[in-house]
PDB file of N, CA and C in Angstrom:
ATOM      1  N   MET A   1       0.919  -1.272  -0.078  1.00  0.00           N
ATOM      2  CA  MET A   1      -0.049  -0.032   0.069  1.00  0.00           C
ATOM      3  C   MET A   1       0.904   1.228   0.052  1.00  0.00           C
ATOM      4  N   PRO A   2       0.500   2.277  -0.635  1.00  0.00           N
ATOM      5  CA  PRO A   2       1.231   3.541  -0.658  1.00  0.00           C
ATOM      6  C   PRO A   2       1.239   4.235   0.664  1.00  0.00           C
ATOM      7  N   THR A   3       2.084   5.152   0.897  1.00  0.00           N
ATOM      8  CA  THR A   3       2.119   5.947   2.124  1.00  0.00           C
ATOM      9  C   THR A   3       2.088   7.331   1.910  1.00  0.00           C
ATOM     10  N   VAL A   4       1.651   8.073   2.801  1.00  0.00           N
ATOM     11  CA  VAL A   4       1.657   9.732   2.680  1.00  0.00           C
ATOM     12  C   VAL A   4       2.281  10.119   3.809  1.00  0.00           C
ATOM     13  N   GLU A   5       3.242  11.092   3.709  1.00  0.00           N
ATOM     14  CA  GLU A   5       3.872  11.794   4.852  1.00  0.00           C
ATOM     15  C   GLU A   5       3.394  13.138   4.978  1.00  0.00           C
ATOM     16  N   PHE A   6       2.896  13.543   6.252  1.00  0.00           N
ATOM     17  CA  PHE A   6       2.295  14.840   6.334  1.00  0.00           C
ATOM     18  C   PHE A   6       2.716  15.303   7.927  1.00  0.00           C
ATOM     19  N   MET A   7       3.177  16.359   8.146  1.00  0.00           N
ATOM     20  CA  MET A   7       3.303  16.892   9.459  1.00  0.00           C
ATOM     21  C   MET A   7       4.009  15.982  10.290  1.00  0.00           C
ATOM     22  N   GLY A   8       5.140  15.377   9.798  1.00  0.00           N
ATOM     23  CA  GLY A   8       5.932  14.378  10.455  1.00  0.00           C
ATOM     24  C   GLY A   8       5.262  13.065  10.724  1.00  0.00           C
ATOM     25  N   LYS A   9       4.172  12.756  10.231  1.00  0.00           N
ATOM     26  CA  LYS A   9       3.534  11.423  10.470  1.00  0.00           C
ATOM     27  C   LYS A   9       3.515  10.654   8.937  1.00  0.00           C
ATOM     28  N   THR A  10       3.596   9.316   9.009  1.00  0.00           N
ATOM     29  CA  THR A  10       3.462   8.622   7.953  1.00  0.00           C
ATOM     30  C   THR A  10       2.077   7.849   8.067  1.00  0.00           C
ATOM     31  N   PHE A  11       1.297   7.912   6.957  1.00  0.00           N
ATOM     32  CA  PHE A  11       0.080   7.233   6.880  1.00  0.00           C
ATOM     33  C   PHE A  11       0.073   6.240   5.702  1.00  0.00           C
ATOM     34  N   THR A  12      -0.505   4.990   6.023  1.00  0.00           N
ATOM     35  CA  THR A  12      -0.594   4.037   4.961  1.00  0.00           C
ATOM     36  C   THR A  12      -2.003   4.258   4.431  1.00  0.00           C
ATOM     37  N   VAL A  13      -2.110   4.361   3.019  1.00  0.00           N
ATOM     38  CA  VAL A  13      -3.422   4.570   2.296  1.00  0.00           C
ATOM     39  C   VAL A  13      -3.657   3.693   1.327  1.00  0.00           C
ATOM     40  N   ASP A  14      -5.044   3.529   0.940  1.00  0.00           N
ATOM     41  CA  ASP A  14      -5.433   2.739  -0.189  1.00  0.00           C
ATOM     42  C   ASP A  14      -5.182   3.476  -1.500  1.00  0.00           C
ATOM     43  N   GLU A  15      -5.532   2.887  -2.661  1.00  0.00           N
ATOM     44  CA  GLU A  15      -5.405   3.419  -3.919  1.00  0.00           C
ATOM     45  C   GLU A  15      -6.091   4.732  -4.089  1.00  0.00           C
ATOM     46  N   ASP A  16      -7.339   4.926  -3.342  1.00  0.00           N
ATOM     47  CA  ASP A  16      -8.003   6.042  -3.359  1.00  0.00           C
ATOM     48  C   ASP A  16      -7.623   7.185  -2.411  1.00  0.00           C
ATOM     49  N   GLY A  17      -6.504   6.940  -1.664  1.00  0.00           N
ATOM     50  CA  GLY A  17      -6.188   7.841  -0.581  1.00  0.00           C
ATOM     51  C   GLY A  17      -6.861   7.782   0.756  1.00  0.00           C
ATOM     52  N   PHE A  18      -7.536   6.694   0.935  1.00  0.00           N
ATOM     53  CA  PHE A  18      -8.212   6.550   2.368  1.00  0.00           C
ATOM     54  C   PHE A  18      -7.270   5.865   3.263  1.00  0.00           C
ATOM     55  N   ILE A  19      -7.262   6.346   4.605  1.00  0.00           N
ATOM     56  CA  ILE A  19      -6.471   5.793   5.445  1.00  0.00           C
ATOM     57  C   ILE A  19      -6.617   4.356   5.724  1.00  0.00           C
ATOM     58  N   ASP A  20      -5.616   3.530   6.049  1.00  0.00           N
ATOM     59  CA  ASP A  20      -5.748   2.069   6.041  1.00  0.00           C
ATOM     60  C   ASP A  20      -6.466   1.613   7.129  1.00  0.00           C
ATOM     61  N   ALA A  21      -6.625   2.282   8.381  1.00  0.00           N
ATOM     62  CA  ALA A  21      -7.351   1.855   9.515  1.00  0.00           C
ATOM     63  C   ALA A  21      -7.904   2.952  10.318  1.00  0.00           C
ATOM     64  N   TYR A  22      -9.172   3.054  10.759  1.00  0.00           N
ATOM     65  CA  TYR A  22      -9.763   3.843  11.507  1.00  0.00           C
ATOM     66  C   TYR A  22      -8.935   4.318  12.739  1.00  0.00           C
ATOM     67  N   GLU A  23      -8.218   3.192  13.307  1.00  0.00           N
ATOM     68  CA  GLU A  23      -7.572   3.494  14.615  1.00  0.00           C
ATOM     69  C   GLU A  23      -6.440   4.369  14.244  1.00  0.00           C
ATOM     70  N   ASN A  24      -5.928   4.569  13.045  1.00  0.00           N
ATOM     71  CA  ASN A  24      -4.815   5.508  12.814  1.00  0.00           C
ATOM     72  C   ASN A  24      -5.182   6.855  12.482  1.00  0.00           C
ATOM     73  N   TRP A  25      -6.466   7.240  12.695  1.00  0.00           N
ATOM     74  CA  TRP A  25      -6.953   8.517  12.557  1.00  0.00           C
ATOM     75  C   TRP A  25      -6.348   9.610  13.650  1.00  0.00           C
ATOM     76  N   CYS A  26      -6.173  10.863  13.053  1.00  0.00           N
ATOM     77  CA  CYS A  26      -5.495  11.718  14.096  1.00  0.00           C
ATOM     78  C   CYS A  26      -5.902  13.083  13.396  1.00  0.00           C
ATOM     79  N   GLN A  27      -5.416  14.125  14.194  1.00  0.00           N
ATOM     80  CA  GLN A  27      -5.686  15.391  13.713  1.00  0.00           C
ATOM     81  C   GLN A  27      -4.617  15.884  12.581  1.00  0.00           C
ATOM     82  N   GLU A  28      -3.610  15.230  12.505  1.00  0.00           N
ATOM     83  CA  GLU A  28      -2.552  15.511  11.462  1.00  0.00           C
ATOM     84  C   GLU A  28      -3.248  14.990  10.025  1.00  0.00           C
ATOM     85  N   TRP A  29      -4.012  13.762  10.224  1.00  0.00           N
ATOM     86  CA  TRP A  29      -4.781  13.187   9.052  1.00  0.00           C
ATOM     87  C   TRP A  29      -5.792  14.136   8.567  1.00  0.00           C
ATOM     88  N   VAL A  30      -6.486  14.852   9.465  1.00  0.00           N
ATOM     89  CA  VAL A  30      -7.557  15.702   9.167  1.00  0.00           C
ATOM     90  C   VAL A  30      -6.970  16.945   8.280  1.00  0.00           C
ATOM     91  N   GLN A  31      -5.868  17.453   8.760  1.00  0.00           N
ATOM     92  CA  GLN A  31      -5.186  18.562   8.099  1.00  0.00           C
ATOM     93  C   GLN A  31      -4.612  18.115   6.650  1.00  0.00           C
ATOM     94  N   HIS A  32      -4.227  16.855   6.630  1.00  0.00           N
ATOM     95  CA  HIS A  32      -3.764  16.530   5.273  1.00  0.00           C
ATOM     96  C   HIS A  32      -4.893  16.404   4.272  1.00  0.00           C
ATOM     97  N   VAL A  33      -5.982  15.639   4.746  1.00  0.00           N
ATOM     98  CA  VAL A  33      -7.241  15.705   3.956  1.00  0.00           C
ATOM     99  C   VAL A  33      -7.749  16.984   3.544  1.00  0.00           C
ATOM    100  N   LYS A  34      -7.866  17.926   4.586  1.00  0.00           N
ATOM    101  CA  LYS A  34      -8.311  19.194   4.244  1.00  0.00           C
ATOM    102  C   LYS A  34      -7.523  19.871   3.191  1.00  0.00           C
ATOM    103  N   LYS A  35      -6.094  19.723   3.223  1.00  0.00           N
ATOM    104  CA  LYS A  35      -5.283  20.309   2.154  1.00  0.00           C
ATOM    105  C   LYS A  35      -5.605  19.596   0.841  1.00  0.00           C
ATOM    106  N   GLU A  36      -5.601  18.347   0.797  1.00  0.00           N
ATOM    107  CA  GLU A  36      -5.796  17.553  -0.307  1.00  0.00           C
ATOM    108  C   GLU A  36      -7.202  17.723  -1.019  1.00  0.00           C
ATOM    109  N   GLU A  37      -8.212  18.044  -0.227  1.00  0.00           N
ATOM    110  CA  GLU A  37      -9.443  18.409  -0.826  1.00  0.00           C
ATOM    111  C   GLU A  37      -9.791  19.817  -1.028  1.00  0.00           C
ATOM    112  N   GLY A  38      -8.780  20.688  -0.837  1.00  0.00           N
ATOM    113  CA  GLY A  38      -8.879  22.088  -1.237  1.00  0.00           C
ATOM    114  C   GLY A  38      -9.824  22.853  -0.360  1.00  0.00           C
ATOM    115  N   ILE A  39     -10.030  22.299   1.014  1.00  0.00           N
ATOM    116  CA  ILE A  39     -10.913  23.118   2.002  1.00  0.00           C
ATOM    117  C   ILE A  39      -9.997  24.048   2.709  1.00  0.00           C
ATOM    118  N   GLU A  40     -10.379  25.382   2.537  1.00  0.00           N
ATOM    119  CA  GLU A  40      -9.403  26.379   3.108  1.00  0.00           C
ATOM    120  C   GLU A  40      -9.401  26.461   4.606  1.00  0.00           C
ATOM    121  N   GLU A  41     -10.658  26.331   5.141  1.00  0.00           N
ATOM    122  CA  GLU A  41     -10.657  26.497   6.590  1.00  0.00           C
ATOM    123  C   GLU A  41     -11.817  25.393   7.119  1.00  0.00           C
ATOM    124  N   LEU A  42     -11.290  24.762   8.290  1.00  0.00           N
ATOM    125  CA  LEU A  42     -12.222  23.842   8.832  1.00  0.00           C
ATOM    126  C   LEU A  42     -13.068  24.521   9.860  1.00  0.00           C
ATOM    127  N   THR A  43     -14.459  24.425   9.664  1.00  0.00           N
ATOM    128  CA  THR A  43     -15.327  25.097  10.564  1.00  0.00           C
ATOM    129  C   THR A  43     -15.974  24.256  11.546  1.00  0.00           C
ATOM    130  N   GLU A  44     -16.678  24.706  12.483  1.00  0.00           N
ATOM    131  CA  GLU A  44     -17.364  23.866  13.437  1.00  0.00           C
ATOM    132  C   GLU A  44     -18.408  22.831  12.717  1.00  0.00           C
ATOM    133  N   GLU A  45     -18.950  23.318  11.518  1.00  0.00           N
ATOM    134  CA  GLU A  45     -19.781  22.523  10.791  1.00  0.00           C
ATOM    135  C   GLU A  45     -18.957  21.380  10.193  1.00  0.00           C
ATOM    136  N   HIS A  46     -17.855  21.477   9.754  1.00  0.00           N
ATOM    137  CA  HIS A  46     -16.905  20.487   9.284  1.00  0.00           C
ATOM    138  C   HIS A  46     -16.731  19.362  10.393  1.00  0.00           C
ATOM    139  N   THR A  47     -16.403  20.022  11.462  1.00  0.00           N
ATOM    140  CA  THR A  47     -16.087  19.170  12.581  1.00  0.00           C
ATOM    141  C   THR A  47     -17.324  18.393  13.188  1.00  0.00           C
ATOM    142  N   LYS A  48     -18.416  18.960  13.066  1.00  0.00           N
ATOM    143  CA  LYS A  48     -19.804  18.227  13.416  1.00  0.00           C
ATOM    144  C   LYS A  48     -19.867  17.128  12.516  1.00  0.00           C
ATOM    145  N   VAL A  49     -19.872  17.273  11.219  1.00  0.00           N
ATOM    146  CA  VAL A  49     -20.052  16.352  10.267  1.00  0.00           C
ATOM    147  C   VAL A  49     -19.075  15.020  10.464  1.00  0.00           C
ATOM    148  N   ILE A  50     -17.823  15.375  10.759  1.00  0.00           N
ATOM    149  CA  ILE A  50     -16.870  14.478  11.119  1.00  0.00           C
ATOM    150  C   ILE A  50     -17.089  13.608  12.163  1.00  0.00           C
ATOM    151  N   GLN A  51     -17.551  14.297  13.365  1.00  0.00           N
ATOM    152  CA  GLN A  51     -17.915  13.618  14.635  1.00  0.00           C
ATOM    153  C   GLN A  51     -19.102  12.639  14.335  1.00  0.00           C
ATOM    154  N   VAL A  52     -20.109  13.115  13.594  1.00  0.00           N
ATOM    155  CA  VAL A  52     -21.231  12.324  13.398  1.00  0.00           C
ATOM    156  C   VAL A  52     -20.906  11.139  12.629  1.00  0.00           C
ATOM    157  N   LEU A  53     -19.989  11.319  11.676  1.00  0.00           N
ATOM    158  CA  LEU A  53     -19.601  10.158  10.765  1.00  0.00           C
ATOM    159  C   LEU A  53     -18.832   9.109  11.647  1.00  0.00           C
ATOM    160  N   GLN A  54     -18.059   9.667  12.548  1.00  0.00           N
ATOM    161  CA  GLN A  54     -17.250   8.715  13.421  1.00  0.00           C
ATOM    162  C   GLN A  54     -18.146   8.013  14.489  1.00  0.00           C
ATOM    163  N   GLU A  55     -18.972   8.651  14.989  1.00  0.00           N
ATOM    164  CA  GLU A  55     -20.067   8.135  15.963  1.00  0.00           C
ATOM    165  C   GLU A  55     -20.865   6.994  15.347  1.00  0.00           C
ATOM    166  N   TYR A  56     -21.324   7.324  14.090  1.00  0.00           N
ATOM    167  CA  TYR A  56     -22.269   6.327  13.423  1.00  0.00           C
ATOM    168  C   TYR A  56     -21.305   5.269  13.059  1.00  0.00           C
ATOM    169  N   TYR A  57     -20.076   5.395  12.638  1.00  0.00           N
ATOM    170  CA  TYR A  57     -19.284   4.284  12.198  1.00  0.00           C
ATOM    171  C   TYR A  57     -18.938   3.386  13.434  1.00  0.00           C
ATOM    172  N   GLU A  58     -18.625   4.029  14.583  1.00  0.00           N
ATOM    173  CA  GLU A  58     -18.280   3.269  15.563  1.00  0.00           C
ATOM    174  C   GLU A  58     -19.406   2.405  16.210  1.00  0.00           C
ATOM    175  N   LYS A  59     -20.613   2.903  16.027  1.00  0.00           N
ATOM    176  CA  LYS A  59     -21.842   2.295  16.495  1.00  0.00           C
ATOM    177  C   LYS A  59     -22.305   1.223  15.427  1.00  0.00           C
ATOM    178  N   ASN A  60     -22.077   1.487  14.080  1.00  0.00           N
ATOM    179  CA  ASN A  60     -22.641   0.492  13.007  1.00  0.00           C
ATOM    180  C   ASN A  60     -21.704  -0.162  12.218  1.00  0.00           C
ATOM    181  N   GLY A  61     -20.482   0.181  12.127  1.00  0.00           N
ATOM    182  CA  GLY A  61     -19.476  -0.305  11.320  1.00  0.00           C
ATOM    183  C   GLY A  61     -19.488   0.018   9.888  1.00  0.00           C
ATOM    184  N   ILE A  62     -20.344   0.978   9.542  1.00  0.00           N
ATOM    185  CA  ILE A  62     -20.302   1.568   8.268  1.00  0.00           C
ATOM    186  C   ILE A  62     -20.662   3.108   8.323  1.00  0.00           C
ATOM    187  N   ALA A  63     -20.376   3.702   7.156  1.00  0.00           N
ATOM    188  CA  ALA A  63     -20.832   5.137   7.052  1.00  0.00           C
ATOM    189  C   ALA A  63     -22.323   5.231   6.827  1.00  0.00           C
ATOM    190  N   PRO A  64     -23.000   6.339   7.376  1.00  0.00           N
ATOM    191  CA  PRO A  64     -24.350   6.614   7.083  1.00  0.00           C
ATOM    192  C   PRO A  64     -24.590   7.005   5.713  1.00  0.00           C
ATOM    193  N   MET A  65     -25.796   6.800   5.250  1.00  0.00           N
ATOM    194  CA  MET A  65     -26.114   7.356   3.868  1.00  0.00           C
ATOM    195  C   MET A  65     -26.231   8.898   4.119  1.00  0.00           C
ATOM    196  N   VAL A  66     -25.983   9.628   3.036  1.00  0.00           N
ATOM    197  CA  VAL A  66     -25.965  10.996   3.157  1.00  0.00           C
ATOM    198  C   VAL A  66     -27.198  11.687   3.800  1.00  0.00           C
ATOM    199  N   ARG A  67     -28.353  11.066   3.504  1.00  0.00           N
ATOM    200  CA  ARG A  67     -29.621  11.584   3.960  1.00  0.00           C
ATOM    201  C   ARG A  67     -29.653  11.454   5.434  1.00  0.00           C
ATOM    202  N   VAL A  68     -29.027  10.309   5.956  1.00  0.00           N
ATOM    203  CA  VAL A  68     -29.014  10.112   7.480  1.00  0.00           C
ATOM    204  C   VAL A  68     -28.040  11.173   8.012  1.00  0.00           C
ATOM    205  N   LEU A  69     -27.017  11.444   7.442  1.00  0.00           N
ATOM    206  CA  LEU A  69     -26.078  12.356   7.783  1.00  0.00           C
ATOM    207  C   LEU A  69     -26.669  13.770   7.948  1.00  0.00           C
ATOM    208  N   SER A  70     -27.520  14.201   6.949  1.00  0.00           N
ATOM    209  CA  SER A  70     -28.132  15.421   6.878  1.00  0.00           C
ATOM    210  C   SER A  70     -29.176  15.494   7.936  1.00  0.00           C
ATOM    211  N   LYS A  71     -29.804  14.396   8.182  1.00  0.00           N
ATOM    212  CA  LYS A  71     -30.859  14.489   9.331  1.00  0.00           C
ATOM    213  C   LYS A  71     -30.219  14.529  10.751  1.00  0.00           C
ATOM    214  N   VAL A  72     -29.211  13.889  10.942  1.00  0.00           N
ATOM    215  CA  VAL A  72     -28.577  13.814  12.277  1.00  0.00           C
ATOM    216  C   VAL A  72     -27.729  15.214  12.464  1.00  0.00           C
ATOM    217  N   THR A  73     -27.102  15.751  11.567  1.00  0.00           N
ATOM    218  CA  THR A  73     -26.579  17.019  11.744  1.00  0.00           C
ATOM    219  C   THR A  73     -27.451  18.194  11.659  1.00  0.00           C
ATOM    220  N   GLY A  74     -28.652  18.050  11.033  1.00  0.00           N
ATOM    221  CA  GLY A  74     -29.513  19.131  10.896  1.00  0.00           C
ATOM    222  C   GLY A  74     -29.112  20.099   9.685  1.00  0.00           C
ATOM    223  N   PHE A  75     -28.094  19.637   8.929  1.00  0.00           N
ATOM    224  CA  PHE A  75     -27.631  20.418   7.764  1.00  0.00           C
ATOM    225  C   PHE A  75     -28.481  19.689   6.504  1.00  0.00           C
ATOM    226  N   LYS A  76     -28.800  20.817   5.683  1.00  0.00           N
ATOM    227  CA  LYS A  76     -29.453  20.446   4.369  1.00  0.00           C
ATOM    228  C   LYS A  76     -28.366  19.715   3.442  1.00  0.00           C
ATOM    229  N   LEU A  77     -28.895  18.858   2.665  1.00  0.00           N
ATOM    230  CA  LEU A  77     -27.973  18.114   1.750  1.00  0.00           C
ATOM    231  C   LEU A  77     -27.089  19.010   1.034  1.00  0.00           C
ATOM    232  N   LYS A  78     -27.712  20.116   0.388  1.00  0.00           N
ATOM    233  CA  LYS A  78     -26.788  20.949  -0.354  1.00  0.00           C
ATOM    234  C   LYS A  78     -25.674  21.494   0.461  1.00  0.00           C
ATOM    235  N   HIS A  79     -26.037  21.878   1.790  1.00  0.00           N
ATOM    236  CA  HIS A  79     -24.760  22.452   2.607  1.00  0.00           C
ATOM    237  C   HIS A  79     -23.870  21.513   2.839  1.00  0.00           C
ATOM    238  N   ILE A  80     -24.105  20.160   3.073  1.00  0.00           N
ATOM    239  CA  ILE A  80     -23.045  19.072   3.269  1.00  0.00           C
ATOM    240  C   ILE A  80     -22.214  19.042   1.991  1.00  0.00           C
ATOM    241  N   TYR A  81     -22.787  19.071   0.759  1.00  0.00           N
ATOM    242  CA  TYR A  81     -22.017  19.174  -0.402  1.00  0.00           C
ATOM    243  C   TYR A  81     -21.176  20.265  -0.583  1.00  0.00           C
ATOM    244  N   GLU A  82     -21.587  21.421  -0.160  1.00  0.00           N
ATOM    245  CA  GLU A  82     -20.880  22.728  -0.027  1.00  0.00           C
ATOM    246  C   GLU A  82     -19.580  22.532   0.912  1.00  0.00           C
ATOM    247  N   LEU A  83     -19.805  21.918   2.191  1.00  0.00           N
ATOM    248  CA  LEU A  83     -18.739  21.757   3.079  1.00  0.00           C
ATOM    249  C   LEU A  83     -17.605  20.856   2.510  1.00  0.00           C
ATOM    250  N   PHE A  84     -18.141  19.848   1.696  1.00  0.00           N
ATOM    251  CA  PHE A  84     -17.173  18.855   1.198  1.00  0.00           C
ATOM    252  C   PHE A  84     -17.441  18.766  -0.376  1.00  0.00           C
ATOM    253  N   PRO A  85     -16.710  19.653  -0.962  1.00  0.00           N
ATOM    254  CA  PRO A  85     -17.053  19.761  -2.496  1.00  0.00           C
ATOM    255  C   PRO A  85     -16.695  18.515  -3.311  1.00  0.00           C
ATOM    256  N   SER A  86     -15.811  17.788  -2.777  1.00  0.00           N
ATOM    257  CA  SER A  86     -15.660  16.338  -3.563  1.00  0.00           C
ATOM    258  C   SER A  86     -16.668  15.225  -3.205  1.00  0.00           C
ATOM    259  N   VAL A  87     -17.781  15.602  -2.738  1.00  0.00           N
ATOM    260  CA  VAL A  87     -18.887  14.902  -2.225  1.00  0.00           C
ATOM    261  C   VAL A  87     -18.528  14.172  -0.904  1.00  0.00           C
ATOM    262  N   PRO A  88     -19.521  14.094  -0.007  1.00  0.00           N
ATOM    263  CA  PRO A  88     -19.185  13.669   1.326  1.00  0.00           C
ATOM    264  C   PRO A  88     -18.627  12.153   1.449  1.00  0.00           C
ATOM    265  N   GLY A  89     -19.019  11.256   0.472  1.00  0.00           N
ATOM    266  CA  GLY A  89     -18.470   9.967   0.479  1.00  0.00           C
ATOM    267  C   GLY A  89     -16.953  10.089   0.317  1.00  0.00           C
ATOM    268  N   LYS A  90     -16.459  10.962  -0.474  1.00  0.00           N
ATOM    269  CA  LYS A  90     -15.002  11.092  -0.604  1.00  0.00           C
ATOM    270  C   LYS A  90     -14.361  11.913   0.401  1.00  0.00           C
ATOM    271  N   GLY A  91     -14.691  13.234   0.529  1.00  0.00           N
ATOM    272  CA  GLY A  91     -14.056  14.149   1.365  1.00  0.00           C
ATOM    273  C   GLY A  91     -14.299  13.960   2.795  1.00  0.00           C
ATOM    274  N   ALA A  92     -15.444  13.891   3.181  1.00  0.00           N
ATOM    275  CA  ALA A  92     -15.900  13.716   4.636  1.00  0.00           C
ATOM    276  C   ALA A  92     -15.644  12.432   5.289  1.00  0.00           C
ATOM    277  N   CYS A  93     -15.836  11.377   4.480  1.00  0.00           N
ATOM    278  CA  CYS A  93     -15.387   9.928   5.230  1.00  0.00           C
ATOM    279  C   CYS A  93     -13.965   9.812   5.144  1.00  0.00           C
ATOM    280  N   LYS A  94     -13.232  10.336   4.178  1.00  0.00           N
ATOM    281  CA  LYS A  94     -11.826  10.318   4.148  1.00  0.00           C
ATOM    282  C   LYS A  94     -11.264  11.061   5.222  1.00  0.00           C
ATOM    283  N   MET A  95     -11.762  12.346   5.553  1.00  0.00           N
ATOM    284  CA  MET A  95     -11.411  13.112   6.563  1.00  0.00           C
ATOM    285  C   MET A  95     -11.622  12.421   7.926  1.00  0.00           C
ATOM    286  N   ALA A  96     -12.713  11.838   8.063  1.00  0.00           N
ATOM    287  CA  ALA A  96     -13.152  11.192   9.407  1.00  0.00           C
ATOM    288  C   ALA A  96     -12.375   9.915   9.614  1.00  0.00           C
ATOM    289  N   GLY A  97     -11.566   9.419   8.656  1.00  0.00           N
ATOM    290  CA  GLY A  97     -10.783   8.266   8.805  1.00  0.00           C
ATOM    291  C   GLY A  97     -11.551   7.026   8.616  1.00  0.00           C
ATOM    292  N   LEU A  98     -12.765   7.081   7.901  1.00  0.00           N
ATOM    293  CA  LEU A  98     -13.585   5.911   7.599  1.00  0.00           C
ATOM    294  C   LEU A  98     -13.035   5.244   6.321  1.00  0.00           C
ATOM    295  N   PRO A  99     -13.362   4.027   6.237  1.00  0.00           N
ATOM    296  CA  PRO A  99     -12.918   3.356   4.947  1.00  0.00           C
ATOM    297  C   PRO A  99     -13.797   3.944   3.801  1.00  0.00           C
ATOM    298  N   LYS A 100     -13.380   3.670   2.589  1.00  0.00           N
ATOM    299  CA  LYS A 100     -14.199   4.149   1.532  1.00  0.00           C
ATOM    300  C   LYS A 100     -15.525   3.571   1.308  1.00  0.00           C
ATOM    301  N   PRO A 101     -16.613   4.420   1.401  1.00  0.00           N
ATOM    302  CA  PRO A 101     -17.873   3.933   1.449  1.00  0.00           C
ATOM    303  C   PRO A 101     -18.192   3.048   0.200  1.00  0.00           C
ATOM    304  N   THR A 102     -19.002   2.005   0.367  1.00  0.00           N
ATOM    305  CA  THR A 102     -19.405   1.290  -0.821  1.00  0.00           C
ATOM    306  C   THR A 102     -20.646   1.707  -1.438  1.00  0.00           C
ATOM    307  N   GLY A 103     -21.572   2.485  -0.659  1.00  0.00           N
ATOM    308  CA  GLY A 103     -22.849   2.970  -0.978  1.00  0.00           C
ATOM    309  C   GLY A 103     -22.857   4.425  -1.222  1.00  0.00           C
ATOM    310  N   CYS A 104     -23.907   5.051  -1.121  1.00  0.00           N
ATOM    311  CA  CYS A 104     -24.041   6.549  -1.348  1.00  0.00           C
ATOM    312  C   CYS A 104     -23.923   7.159   0.070  1.00  0.00           C
ATOM    313  N   VAL A 105     -22.953   7.916   0.067  1.00  0.00           N
ATOM    314  CA  VAL A 105     -22.590   8.885   1.195  1.00  0.00           C
ATOM    315  C   VAL A 105     -22.354  10.194   0.649  1.00  0.00           C
TER     316      VAL A 105
END
């Protein structure tokens, strides 16, 4: 598997750039993905989406569908897509340290 070095840390990633294991997630990873996704500033809204994704994943072992994410965060679907321009399945799940989703997120 390829590796990525960022802020003094080395991360093993898959072919799509997702971290190899949720347990390896850290704030340095968030900063790496933020830069990679072209997000200029992380807001409280970004953090809320990441936390909801992680909590859902820890409880269910998968990422929630984007409609569930919208309902739990209280953010409109359009706003979630604005927060994560490369679509939530790619940007938000990657930033949260989740595996690449197989369904619609």
